[in-house]
């Protein structure tokens, strides 16, 4: 059975899913989808009851890779585009650990570095 990496992109209520044969192909597609969705990332400050939610605290677009197994993937990681257009890479299925980018790295590049080193 060939390895299979799943890319899931959530923009608001719209969810798209694709499968790729390699992690590199999935991460390349992730970078492309995030670039295409960056215009949808801007958010205004939201108010819920008496709580104020700043744009940096709102996830506008989430791109997630999982694999290489189809069920109970060993790797779950992704990039969140925040409402202020900043990007944050993370790993983990239940509890997420933020991936800090090195100088000059994009969030997807930082994620690629961490996932290929493992």
PDB file of N, CA and C in Angstrom:
ATOM      1  N   UNK A   1       0.843  -1.179   0.000  1.00  0.00           N
ATOM      2  CA  UNK A   1       0.000   0.000   0.000  1.00  0.00           C
ATOM      3  C   UNK A   1       0.891   1.247   0.000  1.00  0.00           C
ATOM      4  N   UNK A   2       0.657   2.158  -0.926  1.00  0.00           N
ATOM      5  CA  UNK A   2       1.451   3.374  -1.048  1.00  0.00           C
ATOM      6  C   UNK A   2       1.137   4.336   0.092  1.00  0.00           C
ATOM      7  N   UNK A   3       2.147   5.139   0.419  1.00  0.00           N
ATOM      8  CA  UNK A   3       1.916   6.157   1.434  1.00  0.00           C
ATOM      9  C   UNK A   3       0.940   7.186   0.899  1.00  0.00           C
ATOM     10  N   UNK A   4       0.163   7.746   1.786  1.00  0.00           N
ATOM     11  CA  UNK A   4      -0.830   8.730   1.388  1.00  0.00           C
ATOM     12  C   UNK A   4      -0.850   9.860   2.406  1.00  0.00           C
ATOM     13  N   UNK A   5      -0.668  11.076   1.918  1.00  0.00           N
ATOM     14  CA  UNK A   5      -0.720  12.268   2.764  1.00  0.00           C
ATOM     15  C   UNK A   5      -1.974  13.037   2.426  1.00  0.00           C
ATOM     16  N   UNK A   6      -2.720  13.421   3.441  1.00  0.00           N
ATOM     17  CA  UNK A   6      -3.970  14.155   3.239  1.00  0.00           C
ATOM     18  C   UNK A   6      -3.759  15.616   3.598  1.00  0.00           C
ATOM     19  N   UNK A   7      -4.189  16.494   2.700  1.00  0.00           N
ATOM     20  CA  UNK A   7      -4.167  17.932   2.941  1.00  0.00           C
ATOM     21  C   UNK A   7      -5.604  18.399   3.078  1.00  0.00           C
ATOM     22  N   UNK A   8      -5.917  19.014   4.212  1.00  0.00           N
ATOM     23  CA  UNK A   8      -7.244  19.573   4.463  1.00  0.00           C
ATOM     24  C   UNK A   8      -7.085  21.073   4.657  1.00  0.00           C
ATOM     25  N   UNK A   9      -7.861  21.844   3.901  1.00  0.00           N
ATOM     26  CA  UNK A   9      -7.812  23.304   4.006  1.00  0.00           C
ATOM     27  C   UNK A   9      -9.197  23.794   4.385  1.00  0.00           C
ATOM     28  N   UNK A  10      -9.262  24.583   5.466  1.00  0.00           N
ATOM     29  CA  UNK A  10     -10.527  25.155   5.936  1.00  0.00           C
ATOM     30  C   UNK A  10     -10.460  26.670   5.805  1.00  0.00           C
ATOM     31  N   UNK A  11     -11.378  27.217   5.024  1.00  0.00           N
ATOM     32  CA  UNK A  11     -11.516  28.669   4.877  1.00  0.00           C
ATOM     33  C   UNK A  11     -12.945  28.982   5.271  1.00  0.00           C
ATOM     34  N   UNK A  12     -13.115  29.523   6.473  1.00  0.00           N
ATOM     35  CA  UNK A  12     -14.472  29.737   6.973  1.00  0.00           C
ATOM     36  C   UNK A  12     -15.168  28.395   7.118  1.00  0.00           C
ATOM     37  N   UNK A  13     -16.327  28.255   6.498  1.00  0.00           N
ATOM     38  CA  UNK A  13     -17.066  26.993   6.585  1.00  0.00           C
ATOM     39  C   UNK A  13     -16.759  26.060   5.418  1.00  0.00           C
ATOM     40  N   UNK A  14     -15.933  26.490   4.473  1.00  0.00           N
ATOM     41  CA  UNK A  14     -15.604  25.668   3.306  1.00  0.00           C
ATOM     42  C   UNK A  14     -14.388  24.794   3.609  1.00  0.00           C
ATOM     43  N   UNK A  15     -14.528  23.490   3.375  1.00  0.00           N
ATOM     44  CA  UNK A  15     -13.457  22.532   3.641  1.00  0.00           C
ATOM     45  C   UNK A  15     -13.140  21.783   2.358  1.00  0.00           C
ATOM     46  N   UNK A  16     -11.849  21.740   1.987  1.00  0.00           N
ATOM     47  CA  UNK A  16     -11.416  20.944   0.837  1.00  0.00           C
ATOM     48  C   UNK A  16     -10.361  19.955   1.308  1.00  0.00           C
ATOM     49  N   UNK A  17     -10.379  18.764   0.711  1.00  0.00           N
ATOM     50  CA  UNK A  17      -9.446  17.708   1.069  1.00  0.00           C
ATOM     51  C   UNK A  17      -8.841  17.128  -0.198  1.00  0.00           C
ATOM     52  N   UNK A  18      -7.527  16.909  -0.163  1.00  0.00           N
ATOM     53  CA  UNK A  18      -6.819  16.281  -1.275  1.00  0.00           C
ATOM     54  C   UNK A  18      -5.829  15.271  -0.716  1.00  0.00           C
ATOM     55  N   UNK A  19      -5.461  14.289  -1.540  1.00  0.00           N
ATOM     56  CA  UNK A  19      -4.463  13.291  -1.148  1.00  0.00           C
ATOM     57  C   UNK A  19      -3.254  13.400  -2.062  1.00  0.00           C
ATOM     58  N   UNK A  20      -2.074  13.141  -1.478  1.00  0.00           N
ATOM     59  CA  UNK A  20      -0.823  13.232  -2.209  1.00  0.00           C
ATOM     60  C   UNK A  20       0.041  12.025  -1.878  1.00  0.00           C
ATOM     61  N   UNK A  21       0.907  11.645  -2.814  1.00  0.00           N
ATOM     62  CA  UNK A  21       1.768  10.482  -2.625  1.00  0.00           C
ATOM     63  C   UNK A  21       2.951  10.782  -1.714  1.00  0.00           C
ATOM     64  N   UNK A  22       3.352  12.048  -1.615  1.00  0.00           N
ATOM     65  CA  UNK A  22       4.521  12.381  -0.792  1.00  0.00           C
ATOM     66  C   UNK A  22       4.237  13.590   0.093  1.00  0.00           C
ATOM     67  N   UNK A  23       5.011  13.695   1.155  1.00  0.00           N
ATOM     68  CA  UNK A  23       4.903  14.836   2.059  1.00  0.00           C
ATOM     69  C   UNK A  23       5.278  16.125   1.340  1.00  0.00           C
ATOM     70  N   UNK A  24       6.338  16.083   0.523  1.00  0.00           N
ATOM     71  CA  UNK A  24       6.755  17.286  -0.205  1.00  0.00           C
ATOM     72  C   UNK A  24       5.651  17.805  -1.112  1.00  0.00           C
ATOM     73  N   UNK A  25       4.976  16.904  -1.809  1.00  0.00           N
ATOM     74  CA  UNK A  25       3.879  17.322  -2.692  1.00  0.00           C
ATOM     75  C   UNK A  25       2.745  17.945  -1.885  1.00  0.00           C
ATOM     76  N   UNK A  26       2.443  17.374  -0.729  1.00  0.00           N
ATOM     77  CA  UNK A  26       1.375  17.915   0.121  1.00  0.00           C
ATOM     78  C   UNK A  26       1.753  19.294   0.659  1.00  0.00           C
ATOM     79  N   UNK A  27       3.017  19.475   1.056  1.00  0.00           N
ATOM     80  CA  UNK A  27       3.456  20.772   1.574  1.00  0.00           C
ATOM     81  C   UNK A  27       3.525  21.827   0.472  1.00  0.00           C
ATOM     82  N   UNK A  28       3.921  21.420  -0.743  1.00  0.00           N
ATOM     83  CA  UNK A  28       3.910  22.358  -1.872  1.00  0.00           C
ATOM     84  C   UNK A  28       2.489  22.828  -2.154  1.00  0.00           C
ATOM     85  N   UNK A  29       1.539  21.893  -2.144  1.00  0.00           N
ATOM     86  CA  UNK A  29       0.132  22.248  -2.365  1.00  0.00           C
ATOM     87  C   UNK A  29      -0.382  23.124  -1.224  1.00  0.00           C
ATOM     88  N   UNK A  30       0.059  22.842   0.005  1.00  0.00           N
ATOM     89  CA  UNK A  30      -0.344  23.661   1.151  1.00  0.00           C
ATOM     90  C   UNK A  30       0.105  25.103   0.948  1.00  0.00           C
ATOM     91  N   UNK A  31       1.355  25.297   0.550  1.00  0.00           N
ATOM     92  CA  UNK A  31       1.871  26.650   0.329  1.00  0.00           C
ATOM     93  C   UNK A  31       1.052  27.364  -0.742  1.00  0.00           C
ATOM     94  N   UNK A  32       0.720  26.651  -1.808  1.00  0.00           N
ATOM     95  CA  UNK A  32      -0.078  27.241  -2.888  1.00  0.00           C
ATOM     96  C   UNK A  32      -1.475  27.626  -2.392  1.00  0.00           C
ATOM     97  N   UNK A  33      -2.130  26.741  -1.643  1.00  0.00           N
ATOM     98  CA  UNK A  33      -3.487  27.016  -1.140  1.00  0.00           C
ATOM     99  C   UNK A  33      -3.486  28.188  -0.154  1.00  0.00           C
ATOM    100  N   UNK A  34      -2.463  28.248   0.699  1.00  0.00           N
ATOM    101  CA  UNK A  34      -2.382  29.351   1.657  1.00  0.00           C
ATOM    102  C   UNK A  34      -2.164  30.683   0.945  1.00  0.00           C
ATOM    103  N   UNK A  35      -1.315  30.679  -0.082  1.00  0.00           N
ATOM    104  CA  UNK A  35      -1.117  31.912  -0.857  1.00  0.00           C
ATOM    105  C   UNK A  35      -2.422  32.344  -1.515  1.00  0.00           C
ATOM    106  N   UNK A  36      -3.153  31.374  -2.070  1.00  0.00           N
ATOM    107  CA  UNK A  36      -4.417  31.686  -2.743  1.00  0.00           C
ATOM    108  C   UNK A  36      -5.480  32.168  -1.760  1.00  0.00           C
ATOM    109  N   UNK A  37      -5.413  31.720  -0.517  1.00  0.00           N
ATOM    110  CA  UNK A  37      -6.426  32.068   0.489  1.00  0.00           C
ATOM    111  C   UNK A  37      -6.035  33.255   1.354  1.00  0.00           C
ATOM    112  N   UNK A  38      -4.856  33.812   1.139  1.00  0.00           N
ATOM    113  CA  UNK A  38      -4.387  34.880   2.028  1.00  0.00           C
ATOM    114  C   UNK A  38      -5.292  36.107   1.991  1.00  0.00           C
ATOM    115  N   UNK A  39      -5.979  36.343   0.890  1.00  0.00           N
ATOM    116  CA  UNK A  39      -6.911  37.469   0.821  1.00  0.00           C
ATOM    117  C   UNK A  39      -8.129  37.284   1.706  1.00  0.00           C
ATOM    118  N   UNK A  40      -8.451  36.033   2.034  1.00  0.00           N
ATOM    119  CA  UNK A  40      -9.593  35.731   2.896  1.00  0.00           C
ATOM    120  C   UNK A  40      -9.230  35.755   4.378  1.00  0.00           C
ATOM    121  N   UNK A  41      -7.969  36.029   4.699  1.00  0.00           N
ATOM    122  CA  UNK A  41      -7.505  35.900   6.083  1.00  0.00           C
ATOM    123  C   UNK A  41      -7.796  37.118   6.950  1.00  0.00           C
ATOM    124  N   UNK A  42      -8.010  38.266   6.366  1.00  0.00           N
ATOM    125  CA  UNK A  42      -8.188  39.482   7.172  1.00  0.00           C
ATOM    126  C   UNK A  42      -9.519  39.458   7.919  1.00  0.00           C
ATOM    127  N   UNK A  43      -9.446  39.726   9.208  1.00  0.00           N
ATOM    128  CA  UNK A  43     -10.629  39.750  10.068  1.00  0.00           C
ATOM    129  C   UNK A  43     -10.629  41.027  10.899  1.00  0.00           C
ATOM    130  N   UNK A  44     -11.809  41.475  11.249  1.00  0.00           N
ATOM    131  CA  UNK A  44     -11.955  42.593  12.177  1.00  0.00           C
ATOM    132  C   UNK A  44     -12.046  42.036  13.590  1.00  0.00           C
ATOM    133  N   UNK A  45     -11.898  42.895  14.563  1.00  0.00           N
ATOM    134  CA  UNK A  45     -12.066  42.485  15.953  1.00  0.00           C
ATOM    135  C   UNK A  45     -13.498  42.003  16.146  1.00  0.00           C
ATOM    136  N   UNK A  46     -13.625  40.832  16.745  1.00  0.00           N
ATOM    137  CA  UNK A  46     -14.953  40.255  16.982  1.00  0.00           C
ATOM    138  C   UNK A  46     -15.333  40.451  18.444  1.00  0.00           C
ATOM    139  N   UNK A  47     -16.612  40.549  18.673  1.00  0.00           N
ATOM    140  CA  UNK A  47     -17.122  40.657  20.041  1.00  0.00           C
ATOM    141  C   UNK A  47     -18.151  39.550  20.253  1.00  0.00           C
ATOM    142  N   UNK A  48     -17.908  38.770  21.292  1.00  0.00           N
ATOM    143  CA  UNK A  48     -18.815  37.692  21.661  1.00  0.00           C
ATOM    144  C   UNK A  48     -19.172  37.908  23.122  1.00  0.00           C
ATOM    145  N   UNK A  49     -20.431  38.192  23.367  1.00  0.00           N
ATOM    146  CA  UNK A  49     -20.896  38.576  24.691  1.00  0.00           C
ATOM    147  C   UNK A  49     -20.067  39.773  25.157  1.00  0.00           C
ATOM    148  N   UNK A  50     -19.332  39.648  26.236  1.00  0.00           N
ATOM    149  CA  UNK A  50     -18.511  40.760  26.722  1.00  0.00           C
ATOM    150  C   UNK A  50     -17.039  40.561  26.394  1.00  0.00           C
ATOM    151  N   UNK A  51     -16.766  39.606  25.549  1.00  0.00           N
ATOM    152  CA  UNK A  51     -15.384  39.272  25.219  1.00  0.00           C
ATOM    153  C   UNK A  51     -14.992  39.883  23.875  1.00  0.00           C
ATOM    154  N   UNK A  52     -13.796  40.401  23.815  1.00  0.00           N
ATOM    155  CA  UNK A  52     -13.261  40.981  22.588  1.00  0.00           C
ATOM    156  C   UNK A  52     -12.201  40.026  22.042  1.00  0.00           C
ATOM    157  N   UNK A  53     -12.325  39.645  20.762  1.00  0.00           N
ATOM    158  CA  UNK A  53     -11.369  38.729  20.148  1.00  0.00           C
ATOM    159  C   UNK A  53     -10.643  39.482  19.038  1.00  0.00           C
ATOM    160  N   UNK A  54      -9.366  39.760  19.270  1.00  0.00           N
ATOM    161  CA  UNK A  54      -8.558  40.493  18.306  1.00  0.00           C
ATOM    162  C   UNK A  54      -8.262  39.628  17.081  1.00  0.00           C
ATOM    163  N   UNK A  55      -7.973  40.240  15.935  1.00  0.00           N
ATOM    164  CA  UNK A  55      -7.698  39.479  14.711  1.00  0.00           C
ATOM    165  C   UNK A  55      -6.574  38.458  14.863  1.00  0.00           C
ATOM    166  N   UNK A  56      -5.546  38.760  15.646  1.00  0.00           N
ATOM    167  CA  UNK A  56      -4.437  37.825  15.816  1.00  0.00           C
ATOM    168  C   UNK A  56      -4.884  36.542  16.521  1.00  0.00           C
ATOM    169  N   UNK A  57      -5.967  36.584  17.266  1.00  0.00           N
ATOM    170  CA  UNK A  57      -6.470  35.409  17.983  1.00  0.00           C
ATOM    171  C   UNK A  57      -7.466  34.605  17.158  1.00  0.00           C
ATOM    172  N   UNK A  58      -7.814  35.081  15.972  1.00  0.00           N
ATOM    173  CA  UNK A  58      -8.789  34.396  15.122  1.00  0.00           C
ATOM    174  C   UNK A  58      -8.068  33.616  14.023  1.00  0.00           C
ATOM    175  N   UNK A  59      -8.405  32.343  13.863  1.00  0.00           N
ATOM    176  CA  UNK A  59      -7.864  31.544  12.770  1.00  0.00           C
ATOM    177  C   UNK A  59      -8.814  31.698  11.589  1.00  0.00           C
ATOM    178  N   UNK A  60      -8.325  32.340  10.533  1.00  0.00           N
ATOM    179  CA  UNK A  60      -9.153  32.576   9.353  1.00  0.00           C
ATOM    180  C   UNK A  60      -9.052  31.425   8.362  1.00  0.00           C
ATOM    181  N   UNK A  61      -7.849  30.865   8.218  1.00  0.00           N
ATOM    182  CA  UNK A  61      -7.606  29.757   7.291  1.00  0.00           C
ATOM    183  C   UNK A  61      -6.717  28.750   8.002  1.00  0.00           C
ATOM    184  N   UNK A  62      -7.084  27.469   7.947  1.00  0.00           N
ATOM    185  CA  UNK A  62      -6.253  26.404   8.518  1.00  0.00           C
ATOM    186  C   UNK A  62      -5.962  25.378   7.425  1.00  0.00           C
ATOM    187  N   UNK A  63      -4.678  25.090   7.250  1.00  0.00           N
ATOM    188  CA  UNK A  63      -4.244  24.037   6.325  1.00  0.00           C
ATOM    189  C   UNK A  63      -3.540  22.976   7.160  1.00  0.00           C
ATOM    190  N   UNK A  64      -3.948  21.728   6.985  1.00  0.00           N
ATOM    191  CA  UNK A  64      -3.449  20.644   7.836  1.00  0.00           C
ATOM    192  C   UNK A  64      -3.039  19.458   6.979  1.00  0.00           C
ATOM    193  N   UNK A  65      -1.865  18.872   7.265  1.00  0.00           N
ATOM    194  CA  UNK A  65      -1.438  17.634   6.614  1.00  0.00           C
ATOM    195  C   UNK A  65      -1.474  16.517   7.642  1.00  0.00           C
ATOM    196  N   UNK A  66      -1.842  15.339   7.172  1.00  0.00           N
ATOM    197  CA  UNK A  66      -1.874  14.156   8.034  1.00  0.00           C
ATOM    198  C   UNK A  66      -1.402  12.969   7.214  1.00  0.00           C
ATOM    199  N   UNK A  67      -0.632  12.104   7.834  1.00  0.00           N
ATOM    200  CA  UNK A  67      -0.185  10.919   7.106  1.00  0.00           C
ATOM    201  C   UNK A  67       0.977  10.257   7.821  1.00  0.00           C
ATOM    202  N   UNK A  68       1.650   9.324   7.218  1.00  0.00           N
ATOM    203  CA  UNK A  68       1.367   8.794   5.896  1.00  0.00           C
ATOM    204  C   UNK A  68       0.273   7.729   5.881  1.00  0.00           C
ATOM    205  N   UNK A  69      -0.191   7.290   7.029  1.00  0.00           N
ATOM    206  CA  UNK A  69      -1.255   6.288   7.066  1.00  0.00           C
ATOM    207  C   UNK A  69      -2.604   6.959   6.824  1.00  0.00           C
ATOM    208  N   UNK A  70      -3.550   6.206   6.315  1.00  0.00           N
ATOM    209  CA  UNK A  70      -4.891   6.747   6.095  1.00  0.00           C
ATOM    210  C   UNK A  70      -5.646   6.890   7.416  1.00  0.00           C
ATOM    211  N   UNK A  71      -5.495   5.918   8.310  1.00  0.00           N
ATOM    212  CA  UNK A  71      -6.201   5.939   9.589  1.00  0.00           C
ATOM    213  C   UNK A  71      -5.182   6.102  10.704  1.00  0.00           C
ATOM    214  N   UNK A  72      -5.507   6.929  11.685  1.00  0.00           N
ATOM    215  CA  UNK A  72      -4.608   7.230  12.801  1.00  0.00           C
ATOM    216  C   UNK A  72      -3.220   7.618  12.300  1.00  0.00           C
ATOM    217  N   UNK A  73      -3.162   8.691  11.568  1.00  0.00           N
ATOM    218  CA  UNK A  73      -1.916   9.174  10.986  1.00  0.00           C
ATOM    219  C   UNK A  73      -0.863   9.414  12.056  1.00  0.00           C
ATOM    220  N   UNK A  74       0.386   9.056  11.742  1.00  0.00           N
ATOM    221  CA  UNK A  74       1.484   9.291  12.675  1.00  0.00           C
ATOM    222  C   UNK A  74       1.794  10.775  12.790  1.00  0.00           C
ATOM    223  N   UNK A  75       1.599  11.501  11.704  1.00  0.00           N
ATOM    224  CA  UNK A  75       1.941  12.921  11.665  1.00  0.00           C
ATOM    225  C   UNK A  75       0.684  13.744  11.426  1.00  0.00           C
ATOM    226  N   UNK A  76       0.469  14.736  12.258  1.00  0.00           N
ATOM    227  CA  UNK A  76      -0.568  15.741  12.038  1.00  0.00           C
ATOM    228  C   UNK A  76       0.081  17.089  12.310  1.00  0.00           C
ATOM    229  N   UNK A  77       0.035  17.952  11.307  1.00  0.00           N
ATOM    230  CA  UNK A  77       0.673  19.263  11.420  1.00  0.00           C
ATOM    231  C   UNK A  77      -0.012  20.224  10.472  1.00  0.00           C
ATOM    232  N   UNK A  78       0.211  21.514  10.678  1.00  0.00           N
ATOM    233  CA  UNK A  78      -0.435  22.459   9.788  1.00  0.00           C
ATOM    234  C   UNK A  78       0.025  23.881   9.990  1.00  0.00           C
ATOM    235  N   UNK A  79      -0.661  24.765   9.277  1.00  0.00           N
ATOM    236  CA  UNK A  79      -0.393  26.199   9.349  1.00  0.00           C
ATOM    237  C   UNK A  79      -1.725  26.910   9.513  1.00  0.00           C
ATOM    238  N   UNK A  80      -1.778  27.833  10.458  1.00  0.00           N
ATOM    239  CA  UNK A  80      -2.954  28.684  10.653  1.00  0.00           C
ATOM    240  C   UNK A  80      -2.640  30.075  10.133  1.00  0.00           C
ATOM    241  N   UNK A  81      -3.517  30.608   9.291  1.00  0.00           N
ATOM    242  CA  UNK A  81      -3.443  32.014   8.908  1.00  0.00           C
ATOM    243  C   UNK A  81      -4.362  32.761   9.849  1.00  0.00           C
ATOM    244  N   UNK A  82      -3.821  33.721  10.563  1.00  0.00           N
ATOM    245  CA  UNK A  82      -4.582  34.480  11.548  1.00  0.00           C
ATOM    246  C   UNK A  82      -5.297  35.656  10.900  1.00  0.00           C
ATOM    247  N   UNK A  83      -6.203  36.245  11.622  1.00  0.00           N
ATOM    248  CA  UNK A  83      -6.990  37.361  11.123  1.00  0.00           C
ATOM    249  C   UNK A  83      -6.194  38.611  10.827  1.00  0.00           C
ATOM    250  N   UNK A  84      -4.968  38.695  11.351  1.00  0.00           N
ATOM    251  CA  UNK A  84      -4.097  39.835  11.042  1.00  0.00           C
ATOM    252  C   UNK A  84      -3.122  39.494   9.918  1.00  0.00           C
ATOM    253  N   UNK A  85      -3.365  38.375   9.221  1.00  0.00           N
ATOM    254  CA  UNK A  85      -2.571  37.886   8.084  1.00  0.00           C
ATOM    255  C   UNK A  85      -1.240  37.271   8.504  1.00  0.00           C
ATOM    256  N   UNK A  86      -1.010  37.051   9.791  1.00  0.00           N
ATOM    257  CA  UNK A  86       0.192  36.345  10.223  1.00  0.00           C
ATOM    258  C   UNK A  86      -0.055  34.844  10.084  1.00  0.00           C
ATOM    259  N   UNK A  87       1.033  34.080   9.962  1.00  0.00           N
ATOM    260  CA  UNK A  87       0.932  32.630   9.804  1.00  0.00           C
ATOM    261  C   UNK A  87       1.680  31.953  10.942  1.00  0.00           C
ATOM    262  N   UNK A  88       1.123  30.836  11.417  1.00  0.00           N
ATOM    263  CA  UNK A  88       1.721  30.099  12.528  1.00  0.00           C
ATOM    264  C   UNK A  88       1.686  28.616  12.201  1.00  0.00           C
ATOM    265  N   UNK A  89       2.871  27.995  12.163  1.00  0.00           N
ATOM    266  CA  UNK A  89       2.969  26.558  11.919  1.00  0.00           C
ATOM    267  C   UNK A  89       2.878  25.816  13.248  1.00  0.00           C
ATOM    268  N   UNK A  90       2.326  24.602  13.204  1.00  0.00           N
ATOM    269  CA  UNK A  90       2.169  23.813  14.419  1.00  0.00           C
ATOM    270  C   UNK A  90       2.239  22.328  14.090  1.00  0.00           C
ATOM    271  N   UNK A  91       2.526  21.525  15.111  1.00  0.00           N
ATOM    272  CA  UNK A  91       2.484  20.069  15.005  1.00  0.00           C
ATOM    273  C   UNK A  91       1.647  19.542  16.158  1.00  0.00           C
ATOM    274  N   UNK A  92       1.137  18.329  16.001  1.00  0.00           N
ATOM    275  CA  UNK A  92       0.375  17.695  17.069  1.00  0.00           C
ATOM    276  C   UNK A  92      -1.074  17.516  16.717  1.00  0.00           C
ATOM    277  N   UNK A  93      -1.645  16.446  17.207  1.00  0.00           N
ATOM    278  CA  UNK A  93      -3.042  16.146  16.919  1.00  0.00           C
ATOM    279  C   UNK A  93      -3.957  16.711  17.996  1.00  0.00           C
ATOM    280  N   UNK A  94      -3.676  16.412  19.237  1.00  0.00           N
ATOM    281  CA  UNK A  94      -4.538  16.859  20.329  1.00  0.00           C
ATOM    282  C   UNK A  94      -4.028  18.173  20.910  1.00  0.00           C
ATOM    283  N   UNK A  95      -2.781  18.172  21.352  1.00  0.00           N
ATOM    284  CA  UNK A  95      -2.190  19.420  21.845  1.00  0.00           C
ATOM    285  C   UNK A  95      -1.186  19.895  20.798  1.00  0.00           C
ATOM    286  N   UNK A  96      -1.335  21.115  20.378  1.00  0.00           N
ATOM    287  CA  UNK A  96      -0.505  21.647  19.305  1.00  0.00           C
ATOM    288  C   UNK A  96       0.737  22.337  19.869  1.00  0.00           C
ATOM    289  N   UNK A  97       1.881  22.062  19.249  1.00  0.00           N
ATOM    290  CA  UNK A  97       3.127  22.733  19.585  1.00  0.00           C
ATOM    291  C   UNK A  97       3.465  23.671  18.429  1.00  0.00           C
ATOM    292  N   UNK A  98       3.698  24.931  18.743  1.00  0.00           N
ATOM    293  CA  UNK A  98       4.020  25.922  17.720  1.00  0.00           C
ATOM    294  C   UNK A  98       5.431  25.670  17.199  1.00  0.00           C
ATOM    295  N   UNK A  99       5.598  25.761  15.875  1.00  0.00           N
ATOM    296  CA  UNK A  99       6.901  25.627  15.233  1.00  0.00           C
ATOM    297  C   UNK A  99       7.430  27.035  14.972  1.00  0.00           C
ATOM    298  N   UNK A 100       8.560  27.360  15.584  1.00  0.00           N
ATOM    299  CA  UNK A 100       9.152  28.687  15.413  1.00  0.00           C
ATOM    300  C   UNK A 100       9.962  28.726  14.120  1.00  0.00           C
ATOM    301  N   UNK A 101       9.653  29.662  13.227  1.00  0.00           N
ATOM    302  CA  UNK A 101      10.431  29.756  11.982  1.00  0.00           C
ATOM    303  C   UNK A 101      11.792  30.398  12.229  1.00  0.00           C
ATOM    304  N   UNK A 102      12.778  29.958  11.456  1.00  0.00           N
ATOM    305  CA  UNK A 102      14.081  30.609  11.469  1.00  0.00           C
ATOM    306  C   UNK A 102      13.993  31.871  10.626  1.00  0.00           C
ATOM    307  N   UNK A 103      14.971  32.729  10.741  1.00  0.00           N
ATOM    308  CA  UNK A 103      14.979  33.990   9.995  1.00  0.00           C
ATOM    309  C   UNK A 103      14.862  33.705   8.489  1.00  0.00           C
ATOM    310  N   UNK A 104      13.905  34.359   7.844  1.00  0.00           N
ATOM    311  CA  UNK A 104      13.710  34.219   6.405  1.00  0.00           C
ATOM    312  C   UNK A 104      12.833  33.043   5.997  1.00  0.00           C
ATOM    313  N   UNK A 105      12.396  32.237   6.940  1.00  0.00           N
ATOM    314  CA  UNK A 105      11.552  31.078   6.648  1.00  0.00           C
ATOM    315  C   UNK A 105      10.084  31.458   6.677  1.00  0.00           C
ATOM    316  N   UNK A 106       9.314  30.880   5.773  1.00  0.00           N
ATOM    317  CA  UNK A 106       7.862  31.006   5.863  1.00  0.00           C
ATOM    318  C   UNK A 106       7.361  29.952   6.840  1.00  0.00           C
ATOM    319  N   UNK A 107       6.096  30.022   7.191  1.00  0.00           N
ATOM    320  CA  UNK A 107       5.518  29.026   8.103  1.00  0.00           C
ATOM    321  C   UNK A 107       5.566  27.634   7.481  1.00  0.00           C
ATOM    322  N   UNK A 108       5.301  27.540   6.174  1.00  0.00           N
ATOM    323  CA  UNK A 108       5.341  26.231   5.501  1.00  0.00           C
ATOM    324  C   UNK A 108       6.773  25.708   5.453  1.00  0.00           C
ATOM    325  N   UNK A 109       7.751  26.579   5.213  1.00  0.00           N
ATOM    326  CA  UNK A 109       9.157  26.155   5.222  1.00  0.00           C
ATOM    327  C   UNK A 109       9.566  25.639   6.600  1.00  0.00           C
ATOM    328  N   UNK A 110       9.129  26.312   7.655  1.00  0.00           N
ATOM    329  CA  UNK A 110       9.435  25.867   9.016  1.00  0.00           C
ATOM    330  C   UNK A 110       8.803  24.507   9.291  1.00  0.00           C
ATOM    331  N   UNK A 111       7.579  24.327   8.831  1.00  0.00           N
ATOM    332  CA  UNK A 111       6.899  23.043   9.010  1.00  0.00           C
ATOM    333  C   UNK A 111       7.629  21.943   8.240  1.00  0.00           C
ATOM    334  N   UNK A 112       8.043  22.234   7.023  1.00  0.00           N
ATOM    335  CA  UNK A 112       8.786  21.264   6.205  1.00  0.00           C
ATOM    336  C   UNK A 112      10.088  20.870   6.910  1.00  0.00           C
ATOM    337  N   UNK A 113      10.792  21.850   7.474  1.00  0.00           N
ATOM    338  CA  UNK A 113      12.048  21.582   8.183  1.00  0.00           C
ATOM    339  C   UNK A 113      11.826  20.622   9.342  1.00  0.00           C
ATOM    340  N   UNK A 114      10.790  20.869  10.129  1.00  0.00           N
ATOM    341  CA  UNK A 114      10.521  20.037  11.303  1.00  0.00           C
ATOM    342  C   UNK A 114      10.063  18.635  10.895  1.00  0.00           C
ATOM    343  N   UNK A 115       9.200  18.543   9.898  1.00  0.00           N
ATOM    344  CA  UNK A 115       8.656  17.238   9.514  1.00  0.00           C
ATOM    345  C   UNK A 115       9.679  16.369   8.795  1.00  0.00           C
ATOM    346  N   UNK A 116      10.568  16.959   8.010  1.00  0.00           N
ATOM    347  CA  UNK A 116      11.565  16.147   7.312  1.00  0.00           C
ATOM    348  C   UNK A 116      12.724  15.769   8.224  1.00  0.00           C
ATOM    349  N   UNK A 117      12.914  16.499   9.323  1.00  0.00           N
ATOM    350  CA  UNK A 117      13.973  16.166  10.280  1.00  0.00           C
ATOM    351  C   UNK A 117      13.567  15.004  11.176  1.00  0.00           C
ATOM    352  N   UNK A 118      12.272  14.780  11.319  1.00  0.00           N
ATOM    353  CA  UNK A 118      11.783  13.737  12.232  1.00  0.00           C
ATOM    354  C   UNK A 118      11.946  12.351  11.659  1.00  0.00           C
TER     355      UNK A 118
END
